[in-house]
Amino acid sequence: MALGPRLDLRQSQSLVMTPQLQQAIKLLALSNLEIETFIGEALDGNPLLDVGAQGPAPATEAVEAPAQARSTALESSGVDRLIGEGRGADDRPLDIDASSLDRDRDTGDGAVRDDGWGADLRLAAAGGGEDGPGIDDRPALDGTLSEHLEAQVGAASRDPFTEGVARYIIGQLDEAGYLPVPLAELAGDLGVGPGEMEEALALVQSLDPTGVGARSLSECIALQAREADRYDPLMAKLIDNLDLLARGDLARLKRICGVDDEDFADMLAELRGYDPKPGLRFGGEPSGAVTPDILVTPGADGGWSIALNQATLPRLIVNRGYYVELKGECDDKASRAWLSDKLADANWLIKALDQRQKTILKVAAELVKQQDGFFRHGVAHLRPLTLRAVAEAIGMHESTVSRVTSNKFLNCPRGTYELKYFFSSGVASADGEGGASAEAVKAAIRQLIDAEDPKAILSDDALVDLLKGKGFELARRTVAKYREAIGLGSSVQRRRQKAISAGR
C-alpha cells in the first residue's frame, strides 16, 4: 500500500447553530435589565432600529376584565396558546395580560401598532409572615465585625477584667474573624497571664457569628461543629486532617475517620455547610432592591393575571422612514446589500425579543398553575417542583426552562421571589402519600422555633417529633440542615441568645 498525501471527498450531516439562534438562546437567560443594556448596544450598531414612543399605562380593566373578554383579547393577539388548558389548583383560570406582550412592533412593513407603553411601577414587596422575607426584605448585616462583637461582649461577660481583655482581642481580629497574632504576644502586650488570655479568647469565641476568634481554619470549623452539636470523635478526626481534604486524598482521610462511604459523604456535606470566614458577613454594602421581571396579580374572577414588567422593557421598532431615505441614496451593490442586512437583523431581533416574551410568559403561567397553593395560602403549600415537570407540561426542553428561570424575579402580593425559588426538592410525608416541598418544611421549622418557650428550647430531636405530627417524615440530620439553611442556630445557641435578650 502506497503511503502519501491524498484528497478524499466525504458527505455528512451535522446540526450547527446559526449566530442568530445562539443569540436567541442567550436572550432567554438575560433579565429585563440586562435586555435593556443589550438593546442599547443594538441601537448603537443598527441605524434602522429605534425606540418606540411610550404612551399611557395599560388600563387596569384590561388585567381584571371578565374571563370571556380576556380570552378574546388573547386570541386576537395570537398568544392564546400560552395558557392552553392551564388552570389553577381549584380550576380557576390563569390569565396572561396580552398587553404585556410587545405588540408595538414594526417588522418593516410600515404598519406600527401602538397600544401604549407603561408608566414607572412602584413595587412594594409584601414581606414577613409565614412566607419568610421576600427578596427586597432580606436584611443586610450592617456595621463592622468589631461593632457587632462589641455589642455582645458586655452582656456575655460577668467579669469586667475579662471583658476588657476580650475587647482588646476583638480589636486584633482580621476581616475574616481570625486572630492572626499569637496569644502569647498579646499577653505580653497587656501584661496578663496565659490563663487569663485563654479565658478572654474563649469569651470572644462564644460570640456570634460562631467561629470568630479562631487561630486556624481547623479551629474555626471545630467551633462551628461544637455549636451545632456535631463535634463527635469522627468529625474531630476529619477536621484535624483538613490538609488531606485540600490535597484530595479522600481515600486516606476516610480510612483515618474509619467510616463507610455514606457516612463519609454526610460528614463532607456537613463540613461544606460551615463558614470558613465568618467575619466576611459584615462590613459589606447592603443589597440593592430587585426589579421584578414578571408581575402576578389576582384576577377579578379569582384567577391570576400574569404580565411582564413593561417599565424595564424598551420597545423596538424599525425606522421605516429612515430606511426609505437610505435606500434612495444607495447607488452601489455593496451599500444595498449592507442596508438589506441591517433590515434583516433589525426584523430578526424584534421577532426574537417578542418570542422571548412569549416564552417567559408561558413558563411563568405554568409556574403559577403548579404553585397555585403558594400564591393563595403561603409557603406551607409550596409543592415540590422540577424543571423537567414544567418543561414536559409546556412542551419545551428542560434547558430552555432553565434559561428562562435564570436571573429573573416574580412579584406577587406575597413579595418578590426569584423564579428558581419555586423549584424545590421534596421530602416524604409521614402518611406515605405524596410529599412536601423543602421550603414548606423550612417554614414549619421556623414556625416551631419562633413559638418555642425561651425556658424550654426545642432540640433537633424534639423538632423531628413535632414535624412528624405535622406530616413530615424527617431524620434529625435533615432537620438540622434545614434549620441551619434558614439561619437558625442550634438549641444551645438559641438558648444563649434568648437569655441575653431577656437580660437586657
Protein backbone atom coordinates (compact mmCIF):
# COMPACT_ATOMS: atom_id res chain seq x y z
CA MET A 1 0.00 0.00 0.00
CA ALA A 2 1.44 3.32 -1.08
CA LEU A 3 1.97 5.99 1.51
CA GLY A 4 1.43 9.56 0.52
CA PRO A 5 -0.90 12.53 0.71
CA ARG A 6 -4.34 12.16 -0.82
CA LEU A 7 -7.63 14.05 -1.03
CA ASP A 8 -10.93 12.41 -0.14
CA LEU A 9 -14.44 13.81 -0.51
CA ARG A 10 -16.90 12.88 2.22
CA GLN A 11 -20.52 13.83 2.65
CA SER A 12 -22.00 14.14 6.15
CA GLN A 13 -24.83 15.81 8.01
CA SER A 14 -24.41 17.91 11.13
CA LEU A 15 -26.52 20.25 13.21
CA VAL A 16 -24.99 23.71 13.50
CA MET A 17 -26.50 26.60 15.43
CA THR A 18 -26.58 29.80 13.45
CA PRO A 19 -25.38 33.02 15.10
CA GLN A 20 -29.00 34.20 15.23
CA LEU A 21 -30.08 31.05 17.06
CA GLN A 22 -27.19 31.35 19.50
CA GLN A 23 -28.19 34.94 20.21
CA ALA A 24 -31.85 33.96 20.72
CA ILE A 25 -30.79 31.35 23.28
CA LYS A 26 -28.63 33.95 25.02
CA LEU A 27 -31.55 36.38 25.21
CA LEU A 28 -33.64 33.85 27.16
CA ALA A 29 -31.19 33.81 30.07
CA LEU A 30 -30.99 37.62 30.37
CA SER A 31 -33.10 39.56 32.84
CA ASN A 32 -35.16 42.55 31.74
CA LEU A 33 -32.49 44.98 32.94
CA GLU A 34 -29.81 43.06 31.03
CA ILE A 35 -32.07 43.08 27.97
CA GLU A 36 -32.25 46.87 28.30
CA THR A 37 -28.45 47.05 28.09
CA PHE A 38 -28.42 44.64 25.16
CA ILE A 39 -30.99 46.75 23.31
CA GLY A 40 -28.90 49.87 23.90
CA GLU A 41 -25.92 48.21 22.22
CA ALA A 42 -28.14 47.04 19.34
CA LEU A 43 -29.41 50.61 18.83
CA ASP A 44 -25.83 51.84 18.55
CA GLY A 45 -24.95 49.20 15.97
CA ASN A 46 -28.02 49.31 13.73
CA PRO A 47 -29.25 52.68 12.39
CA LEU A 48 -32.60 51.19 11.36
CA LEU A 49 -33.55 50.30 14.94
CA ASP A 50 -35.38 52.86 17.02
CA VAL A 51 -37.22 53.01 20.34
CA GLY A 52 -41.00 53.25 20.05
CA ALA A 53 -42.93 56.07 21.64
CA GLN A 54 -44.19 55.45 25.15
CA GLY A 55 -47.88 56.00 25.68
CA PRO A 56 -50.04 55.84 28.80
CA ALA A 57 -50.04 52.77 31.02
CA PRO A 58 -52.45 49.97 30.11
CA ALA A 59 -55.80 50.28 31.86
CA THR A 60 -56.37 48.17 34.94
CA GLU A 61 -59.60 46.83 33.44
CA ALA A 62 -57.57 45.05 30.78
CA VAL A 63 -55.91 43.00 33.53
CA GLU A 64 -59.02 42.35 35.60
CA ALA A 65 -61.55 42.04 32.77
CA PRO A 66 -64.04 39.16 32.76
CA ALA A 67 -62.72 35.81 31.56
CA GLN A 68 -64.58 35.99 28.23
CA ALA A 69 -63.16 39.40 27.38
CA ARG A 70 -59.65 38.30 28.32
CA SER A 71 -59.95 35.19 26.18
CA THR A 72 -60.92 37.30 23.20
CA ALA A 73 -58.00 39.67 23.75
CA LEU A 74 -55.54 36.79 23.97
CA GLU A 75 -56.90 35.14 20.86
CA SER A 76 -56.74 38.35 18.86
CA SER A 77 -53.13 38.90 19.92
CA GLY A 78 -52.11 35.44 18.78
CA VAL A 79 -50.84 34.27 22.16
CA ASP A 80 -53.80 32.26 23.41
CA ARG A 81 -51.65 29.16 23.19
CA LEU A 82 -49.55 30.46 26.06
CA ILE A 83 -52.10 29.41 28.63
CA GLY A 84 -53.58 26.42 26.81
CA GLU A 85 -55.71 24.48 29.20
CA GLY A 86 -53.78 25.84 32.20
CA ARG A 87 -55.87 26.30 35.34
CA GLY A 88 -55.11 26.70 38.99
CA ALA A 89 -55.40 24.06 41.65
CA ASP A 90 -59.03 24.96 42.24
CA ASP A 91 -59.85 25.21 38.48
CA ARG A 92 -59.63 29.00 38.36
CA PRO A 93 -58.21 30.38 35.12
CA LEU A 94 -54.70 31.71 34.71
CA ASP A 95 -54.88 34.95 32.76
CA ILE A 96 -51.88 36.32 30.91
CA ASP A 97 -52.11 40.03 30.26
CA ALA A 98 -51.90 40.36 26.48
CA SER A 99 -50.77 43.96 26.84
CA SER A 100 -47.54 42.73 28.40
CA LEU A 101 -46.50 41.40 25.01
CA ASP A 102 -44.78 43.96 22.85
CA ARG A 103 -47.29 44.50 20.08
CA ASP A 104 -45.86 47.87 19.04
CA ARG A 105 -43.52 46.13 16.65
CA ASP A 106 -42.70 47.31 13.16
CA THR A 107 -41.40 44.39 11.10
CA GLY A 108 -40.57 46.52 8.11
CA ASP A 109 -43.99 46.59 6.52
CA GLY A 110 -44.68 50.13 7.71
CA ALA A 111 -47.56 49.16 10.00
CA VAL A 112 -46.85 50.17 13.58
CA ARG A 113 -49.36 49.33 16.29
CA ASP A 114 -49.23 51.46 19.42
CA ASP A 115 -51.17 50.13 22.39
CA GLY A 116 -49.39 52.31 24.91
CA TRP A 117 -46.33 51.62 26.94
CA GLY A 118 -46.46 51.99 30.68
CA ALA A 119 -45.54 54.33 33.46
CA ASP A 120 -42.95 53.62 36.11
CA LEU A 121 -44.06 50.94 38.53
CA ARG A 122 -43.79 51.47 42.24
CA LEU A 123 -43.49 47.95 43.64
CA ALA A 124 -43.85 47.44 47.37
CA ALA A 125 -42.99 43.83 48.10
CA ALA A 126 -45.02 42.37 50.94
CA GLY A 127 -42.70 40.51 53.28
CA GLY A 128 -42.59 38.59 56.52
CA GLY A 129 -45.28 36.28 57.81
CA GLU A 130 -45.20 32.62 57.18
CA ASP A 131 -43.68 33.12 53.76
CA GLY A 132 -40.42 34.42 55.15
CA PRO A 133 -38.77 37.57 53.81
CA GLY A 134 -39.00 38.39 50.14
CA ILE A 135 -36.03 39.36 48.05
CA ASP A 136 -36.39 43.02 48.95
CA ASP A 137 -36.79 42.28 52.65
CA ARG A 138 -33.66 40.27 53.25
CA PRO A 139 -31.74 42.17 55.92
CA ALA A 140 -28.18 43.20 55.28
CA LEU A 141 -25.63 42.85 58.06
CA ASP A 142 -24.92 46.49 58.81
CA GLY A 143 -21.85 47.68 60.68
CA THR A 144 -18.44 46.12 61.05
CA LEU A 145 -17.50 42.86 62.68
CA SER A 146 -15.91 44.70 65.61
CA GLU A 147 -19.09 46.68 66.26
CA HIS A 148 -21.17 43.50 66.14
CA LEU A 149 -18.90 41.75 68.65
CA GLU A 150 -18.56 44.78 70.91
CA ALA A 151 -22.34 44.92 71.24
CA GLN A 152 -22.39 41.35 72.59
CA VAL A 153 -19.36 41.09 74.81
CA GLY A 154 -20.75 43.21 77.63
CA ALA A 155 -23.84 41.03 78.08
CA ALA A 156 -21.86 37.79 77.70
CA SER A 157 -19.25 38.59 80.37
CA ARG A 158 -19.66 38.97 84.12
CA ASP A 159 -16.04 39.87 84.81
CA PRO A 160 -15.01 43.43 83.86
CA PHE A 161 -11.35 42.39 83.60
CA THR A 162 -12.07 39.51 81.20
CA GLU A 163 -14.40 41.78 79.24
CA GLY A 164 -11.62 44.35 78.82
CA VAL A 165 -9.15 41.75 77.57
CA ALA A 166 -11.80 40.35 75.21
CA ARG A 167 -12.39 43.80 73.74
CA TYR A 168 -8.67 44.09 73.09
CA ILE A 169 -8.71 40.72 71.31
CA ILE A 170 -11.67 41.85 69.20
CA GLY A 171 -9.61 44.79 68.04
CA GLN A 172 -6.91 42.42 66.79
CA LEU A 173 -9.18 40.26 64.62
CA ASP A 174 -8.82 40.44 60.86
CA GLU A 175 -11.73 40.99 58.46
CA ALA A 176 -12.40 37.23 58.23
CA GLY A 177 -12.73 36.97 62.02
CA TYR A 178 -9.42 35.22 62.69
CA LEU A 179 -6.86 36.13 65.34
CA PRO A 180 -3.57 36.46 63.38
CA VAL A 181 -1.44 37.47 66.38
CA PRO A 182 -0.11 34.76 68.74
CA LEU A 183 -1.89 34.78 72.08
CA ALA A 184 1.40 34.87 73.96
CA GLU A 185 2.34 38.10 72.18
CA LEU A 186 -0.95 39.71 73.17
CA ALA A 187 -0.46 38.54 76.75
CA GLY A 188 2.94 40.22 76.78
CA ASP A 189 1.49 43.46 75.43
CA LEU A 190 -1.18 43.57 78.14
CA GLY A 191 0.94 42.11 80.92
CA VAL A 192 -1.58 39.37 81.79
CA GLY A 193 -1.15 35.66 82.30
CA PRO A 194 -1.74 32.97 79.66
CA GLY A 195 -4.73 31.60 81.58
CA GLU A 196 -6.47 34.97 81.61
CA MET A 197 -5.85 35.40 77.89
CA GLU A 198 -7.30 31.95 77.17
CA GLU A 199 -10.39 32.84 79.22
CA ALA A 200 -10.87 36.10 77.31
CA LEU A 201 -10.37 34.31 73.97
CA ALA A 202 -12.98 31.72 74.94
CA LEU A 203 -15.37 34.61 75.63
CA VAL A 204 -14.74 36.04 72.15
CA GLN A 205 -15.19 32.63 70.57
CA SER A 206 -18.58 32.26 72.26
CA LEU A 207 -19.95 35.31 70.44
CA ASP A 208 -21.92 35.43 67.22
CA PRO A 209 -21.02 34.59 64.48
CA THR A 210 -19.66 31.26 65.59
CA GLY A 211 -16.06 30.75 64.52
CA VAL A 212 -14.71 34.24 65.21
CA GLY A 213 -11.55 34.41 67.28
CA ALA A 214 -10.18 31.21 65.75
CA ARG A 215 -6.45 30.97 65.19
CA SER A 216 -6.66 28.48 62.32
CA LEU A 217 -9.14 27.10 59.85
CA SER A 218 -9.48 23.84 61.76
CA GLU A 219 -10.26 25.71 64.98
CA CYS A 220 -12.84 27.86 63.19
CA ILE A 221 -14.59 24.79 61.78
CA ALA A 222 -14.37 22.97 65.12
CA LEU A 223 -16.05 25.88 66.91
CA GLN A 224 -18.95 25.75 64.46
CA ALA A 225 -19.22 21.97 64.75
CA ARG A 226 -19.41 22.20 68.54
CA GLU A 227 -22.04 24.90 68.30
CA ALA A 228 -24.11 22.66 66.01
CA ASP A 229 -23.62 19.71 68.38
CA ARG A 230 -21.81 17.77 65.65
CA TYR A 231 -18.31 17.61 67.09
CA ASP A 232 -18.07 13.88 67.69
CA PRO A 233 -14.75 11.94 67.58
CA LEU A 234 -15.18 11.12 63.88
CA MET A 235 -15.81 14.74 62.93
CA ALA A 236 -12.82 15.75 65.07
CA LYS A 237 -10.57 13.44 63.04
CA LEU A 238 -11.91 14.92 59.82
CA ILE A 239 -11.32 18.50 61.00
CA ASP A 240 -7.81 17.66 62.24
CA ASN A 241 -6.87 16.42 58.77
CA LEU A 242 -8.16 19.19 56.56
CA ASP A 243 -4.82 19.17 54.73
CA LEU A 244 -5.66 15.76 53.28
CA LEU A 245 -9.00 17.11 52.10
CA ALA A 246 -7.24 20.05 50.43
CA ARG A 247 -4.93 17.63 48.59
CA GLY A 248 -7.86 15.47 47.52
CA ASP A 249 -6.61 12.39 49.36
CA LEU A 250 -10.13 11.25 50.26
CA ALA A 251 -9.31 7.55 50.47
CA ARG A 252 -6.72 8.10 53.20
CA LEU A 253 -8.99 10.56 55.00
CA LYS A 254 -11.84 8.04 55.01
CA ARG A 255 -9.52 5.38 56.50
CA ILE A 256 -8.44 7.79 59.24
CA CYS A 257 -12.05 8.56 60.12
CA GLY A 258 -12.99 4.86 59.99
CA VAL A 259 -16.38 5.34 58.28
CA ASP A 260 -18.12 3.91 55.23
CA ASP A 261 -18.83 5.81 52.01
CA GLU A 262 -22.31 7.02 53.04
CA ASP A 263 -21.23 8.39 56.43
CA PHE A 264 -18.14 9.93 54.88
CA ALA A 265 -20.28 11.73 52.27
CA ASP A 266 -22.56 13.05 55.04
CA MET A 267 -19.57 14.30 57.02
CA LEU A 268 -18.19 16.12 53.98
CA ALA A 269 -21.60 17.67 53.35
CA GLU A 270 -21.69 18.94 56.94
CA LEU A 271 -18.18 20.31 56.57
CA ARG A 272 -19.16 22.26 53.46
CA GLY A 273 -22.02 23.81 55.39
CA TYR A 274 -19.66 25.63 57.76
CA ASP A 275 -18.37 29.13 57.06
CA PRO A 276 -14.55 29.24 56.81
CA LYS A 277 -14.55 33.06 57.04
CA PRO A 278 -17.43 34.10 59.33
CA GLY A 279 -16.26 37.69 59.66
CA LEU A 280 -16.77 38.46 55.99
CA ARG A 281 -20.54 38.66 56.52
CA PHE A 282 -20.05 42.12 57.98
CA GLY A 283 -18.94 45.41 56.61
CA GLY A 284 -20.31 44.87 53.08
CA GLU A 285 -22.61 47.11 51.13
CA PRO A 286 -26.33 46.48 51.67
CA SER A 287 -28.02 44.57 48.90
CA GLY A 288 -29.87 46.71 46.40
CA ALA A 289 -33.53 46.49 45.53
CA VAL A 290 -34.54 43.89 42.97
CA THR A 291 -36.61 44.89 39.94
CA PRO A 292 -39.07 42.11 39.11
CA ASP A 293 -39.39 40.84 35.55
CA ILE A 294 -42.87 39.31 35.94
CA LEU A 295 -45.93 40.73 37.70
CA VAL A 296 -48.62 38.42 39.10
CA THR A 297 -51.82 39.99 40.40
CA PRO A 298 -55.17 38.48 41.47
CA GLY A 299 -57.78 38.45 38.72
CA ALA A 300 -61.38 39.61 39.13
CA ASP A 301 -62.75 36.07 38.81
CA GLY A 302 -60.34 34.51 41.31
CA GLY A 303 -57.63 33.62 38.81
CA TRP A 304 -54.25 35.23 38.25
CA SER A 305 -53.16 37.90 35.78
CA ILE A 306 -49.59 37.49 34.57
CA ALA A 307 -47.70 40.27 32.81
CA LEU A 308 -44.15 41.28 32.06
CA ASN A 309 -42.81 44.35 33.81
CA GLN A 310 -43.03 46.78 30.91
CA ALA A 311 -41.20 49.51 32.81
CA THR A 312 -37.91 47.70 32.11
CA LEU A 313 -38.62 46.66 28.50
CA PRO A 314 -37.90 49.32 25.86
CA ARG A 315 -39.96 48.90 22.67
CA LEU A 316 -38.02 48.37 19.47
CA ILE A 317 -39.31 49.36 16.04
CA VAL A 318 -37.84 49.61 12.57
CA ASN A 319 -37.43 53.24 11.48
CA ARG A 320 -39.23 52.80 8.18
CA GLY A 321 -38.82 56.41 7.09
CA TYR A 322 -35.05 56.33 7.59
CA TYR A 323 -34.86 53.02 5.73
CA VAL A 324 -36.64 54.52 2.69
CA GLU A 325 -34.36 57.55 2.81
CA LEU A 326 -31.19 55.43 2.93
CA LYS A 327 -32.44 53.11 0.22
CA GLY A 328 -32.90 56.02 -2.16
CA GLU A 329 -29.26 57.02 -1.68
CA CYS A 330 -27.76 53.54 -2.13
CA ASP A 331 -26.28 53.59 -5.64
CA ASP A 332 -23.85 50.66 -5.47
CA LYS A 333 -24.47 46.97 -4.84
CA ALA A 334 -22.43 46.84 -1.62
CA SER A 335 -24.45 49.62 0.02
CA ARG A 336 -27.73 47.98 -0.90
CA ALA A 337 -26.51 44.65 0.48
CA TRP A 338 -25.42 46.35 3.73
CA LEU A 339 -28.79 48.05 4.11
CA SER A 340 -30.64 44.78 3.45
CA ASP A 341 -28.54 43.03 6.10
CA LYS A 342 -29.32 45.74 8.64
CA LEU A 343 -33.04 45.50 7.88
CA ALA A 344 -32.96 41.71 8.25
CA ASP A 345 -31.03 41.97 11.52
CA ALA A 346 -33.50 44.52 12.89
CA ASN A 347 -36.52 42.42 11.93
CA TRP A 348 -34.96 39.29 13.38
CA LEU A 349 -34.07 40.97 16.69
CA ILE A 350 -37.61 42.32 17.09
CA LYS A 351 -39.07 38.87 16.46
CA ALA A 352 -36.54 37.22 18.81
CA LEU A 353 -37.43 39.61 21.62
CA ASP A 354 -41.13 39.00 21.02
CA GLN A 355 -40.59 35.25 21.15
CA ARG A 356 -38.60 35.68 24.36
CA GLN A 357 -41.52 37.47 26.00
CA LYS A 358 -43.94 34.76 24.91
CA THR A 359 -41.66 32.03 26.26
CA ILE A 360 -41.23 33.77 29.62
CA LEU A 361 -44.98 34.22 29.99
CA LYS A 362 -45.59 30.59 29.07
CA VAL A 363 -43.17 29.35 31.73
CA ALA A 364 -44.49 31.82 34.32
CA ALA A 365 -48.07 30.71 33.65
CA GLU A 366 -47.15 27.08 34.28
CA LEU A 367 -45.28 28.02 37.47
CA VAL A 368 -48.30 29.88 38.81
CA LYS A 369 -50.54 26.96 37.91
CA GLN A 370 -48.26 24.41 39.61
CA GLN A 371 -47.72 26.56 42.71
CA ASP A 372 -51.25 27.93 42.99
CA GLY A 373 -51.36 26.91 46.66
CA PHE A 374 -48.36 29.08 47.46
CA PHE A 375 -49.86 32.20 45.88
CA ARG A 376 -53.15 31.69 47.74
CA HIS A 377 -52.08 30.30 51.12
CA GLY A 378 -48.34 30.77 51.60
CA VAL A 379 -45.10 28.83 51.61
CA ALA A 380 -46.54 25.92 53.61
CA HIS A 381 -48.41 24.97 50.44
CA LEU A 382 -45.38 25.13 48.15
CA ARG A 383 -45.21 21.91 46.13
CA PRO A 384 -42.09 20.00 45.08
CA LEU A 385 -41.35 21.01 41.50
CA THR A 386 -38.60 20.29 38.98
CA LEU A 387 -37.53 21.90 35.73
CA ARG A 388 -38.42 18.71 33.90
CA ALA A 389 -42.00 18.76 35.17
CA VAL A 390 -42.52 22.30 33.87
CA ALA A 391 -40.77 21.53 30.59
CA GLU A 392 -42.97 18.49 29.94
CA ALA A 393 -46.13 20.40 30.81
CA ILE A 394 -45.48 23.20 28.30
CA GLY A 395 -43.75 21.14 25.63
CA MET A 396 -40.30 22.72 25.88
CA HIS A 397 -36.84 21.43 26.55
CA GLU A 398 -35.61 21.41 30.13
CA SER A 399 -32.61 23.60 29.23
CA THR A 400 -34.98 26.24 27.83
CA VAL A 401 -36.93 26.36 31.09
CA SER A 402 -33.66 26.62 32.99
CA ARG A 403 -32.57 29.63 30.92
CA VAL A 404 -35.95 31.31 31.28
CA THR A 405 -35.93 30.99 35.07
CA SER A 406 -32.34 32.25 35.48
CA ASN A 407 -31.80 35.80 36.77
CA LYS A 408 -35.50 36.63 36.74
CA PHE A 409 -37.79 37.66 39.56
CA LEU A 410 -41.54 37.48 40.05
CA ASN A 411 -43.56 39.97 42.05
CA CYS A 412 -46.86 38.88 43.61
CA PRO A 413 -48.94 40.02 46.61
CA ARG A 414 -46.71 37.89 48.86
CA GLY A 415 -43.48 39.59 47.80
CA THR A 416 -40.74 39.37 45.19
CA TYR A 417 -39.15 35.99 44.57
CA GLU A 418 -36.62 34.56 42.17
CA LEU A 419 -38.20 32.11 39.75
CA LYS A 420 -35.78 29.43 40.95
CA TYR A 421 -37.44 29.73 44.38
CA PHE A 422 -40.47 27.86 43.10
CA PHE A 423 -38.37 24.82 42.18
CA SER A 424 -37.85 22.86 45.35
CA SER A 425 -36.96 19.29 46.22
CA GLY A 426 -39.50 17.20 48.08
CA VAL A 427 -39.48 15.24 51.32
CA ALA A 428 -41.57 12.22 52.18
CA SER A 429 -44.78 12.67 54.12
CA ALA A 430 -45.47 10.72 57.28
CA ASP A 431 -48.56 9.03 55.83
CA GLY A 432 -46.69 7.96 52.72
CA GLU A 433 -48.98 9.92 50.40
CA GLY A 434 -47.26 12.45 48.15
CA GLY A 435 -44.59 14.73 49.51
CA ALA A 436 -43.90 18.24 50.69
CA SER A 437 -41.60 20.96 49.43
CA ALA A 438 -38.36 21.54 51.26
CA GLU A 439 -39.37 25.20 51.57
CA ALA A 440 -42.60 24.14 53.29
CA VAL A 441 -40.58 22.10 55.78
CA LYS A 442 -38.28 25.07 56.44
CA ALA A 443 -41.33 27.26 57.06
CA ALA A 444 -42.68 24.69 59.54
CA ILE A 445 -39.32 24.58 61.36
CA ARG A 446 -39.22 28.37 61.55
CA GLN A 447 -42.77 28.47 62.90
CA LEU A 448 -41.99 25.92 65.62
CA ILE A 449 -38.81 27.70 66.70
CA ASP A 450 -40.45 31.13 66.71
CA ALA A 451 -43.16 29.79 69.02
CA GLU A 452 -40.84 27.90 71.40
CA ASP A 453 -40.72 28.79 75.08
CA PRO A 454 -37.42 30.55 75.99
CA LYS A 455 -37.30 28.30 79.06
CA ALA A 456 -37.83 25.14 77.01
CA ILE A 457 -35.76 25.43 73.85
CA LEU A 458 -36.55 22.73 71.30
CA SER A 459 -33.75 20.32 70.41
CA ASP A 460 -33.43 18.85 66.93
CA ASP A 461 -34.87 15.57 68.22
CA ALA A 462 -37.90 17.43 69.58
CA LEU A 463 -38.31 19.18 66.23
CA VAL A 464 -38.29 15.77 64.50
CA ASP A 465 -41.19 14.59 66.67
CA LEU A 466 -43.17 17.82 66.21
CA LEU A 467 -42.66 17.80 62.45
CA LYS A 468 -43.80 14.19 62.29
CA GLY A 469 -47.03 15.33 63.93
CA LYS A 470 -47.39 17.86 61.09
CA GLY A 471 -46.94 15.12 58.49
CA PHE A 472 -43.21 15.47 57.71
CA GLU A 473 -41.05 12.35 57.99
CA LEU A 474 -37.50 13.66 58.52
CA ALA A 475 -34.27 12.46 60.09
CA ARG A 476 -32.56 14.51 62.77
CA ARG A 477 -29.65 15.30 60.47
CA THR A 478 -32.05 16.62 57.80
CA VAL A 479 -33.86 18.80 60.32
CA ALA A 480 -30.54 20.26 61.45
CA LYS A 481 -29.52 21.03 57.85
CA TYR A 482 -32.82 22.77 57.12
CA ARG A 483 -32.59 24.72 60.37
CA GLU A 484 -29.11 25.93 59.50
CA ALA A 485 -30.15 26.74 55.93
CA ILE A 486 -32.70 29.29 57.19
CA GLY A 487 -30.19 30.85 59.57
CA LEU A 488 -31.47 29.44 62.88
CA GLY A 489 -28.90 28.36 65.44
CA SER A 490 -28.77 25.18 67.47
CA SER A 491 -30.68 24.81 70.72
CA VAL A 492 -27.56 25.82 72.67
CA GLN A 493 -27.06 28.96 70.61
CA ARG A 494 -30.73 29.95 70.72
CA ARG A 495 -30.87 29.44 74.49
CA ARG A 496 -27.88 31.75 74.94
CA GLN A 497 -29.24 34.39 72.58
CA LYS A 498 -32.66 34.45 74.23
CA ALA A 499 -31.05 34.60 77.66
CA ILE A 500 -29.02 37.63 76.55
CA SER A 501 -32.13 39.26 75.07
CA ALA A 502 -34.08 38.65 78.28
CA GLY A 503 -31.31 40.19 80.39
CA ARG A 504 -31.33 43.50 78.51
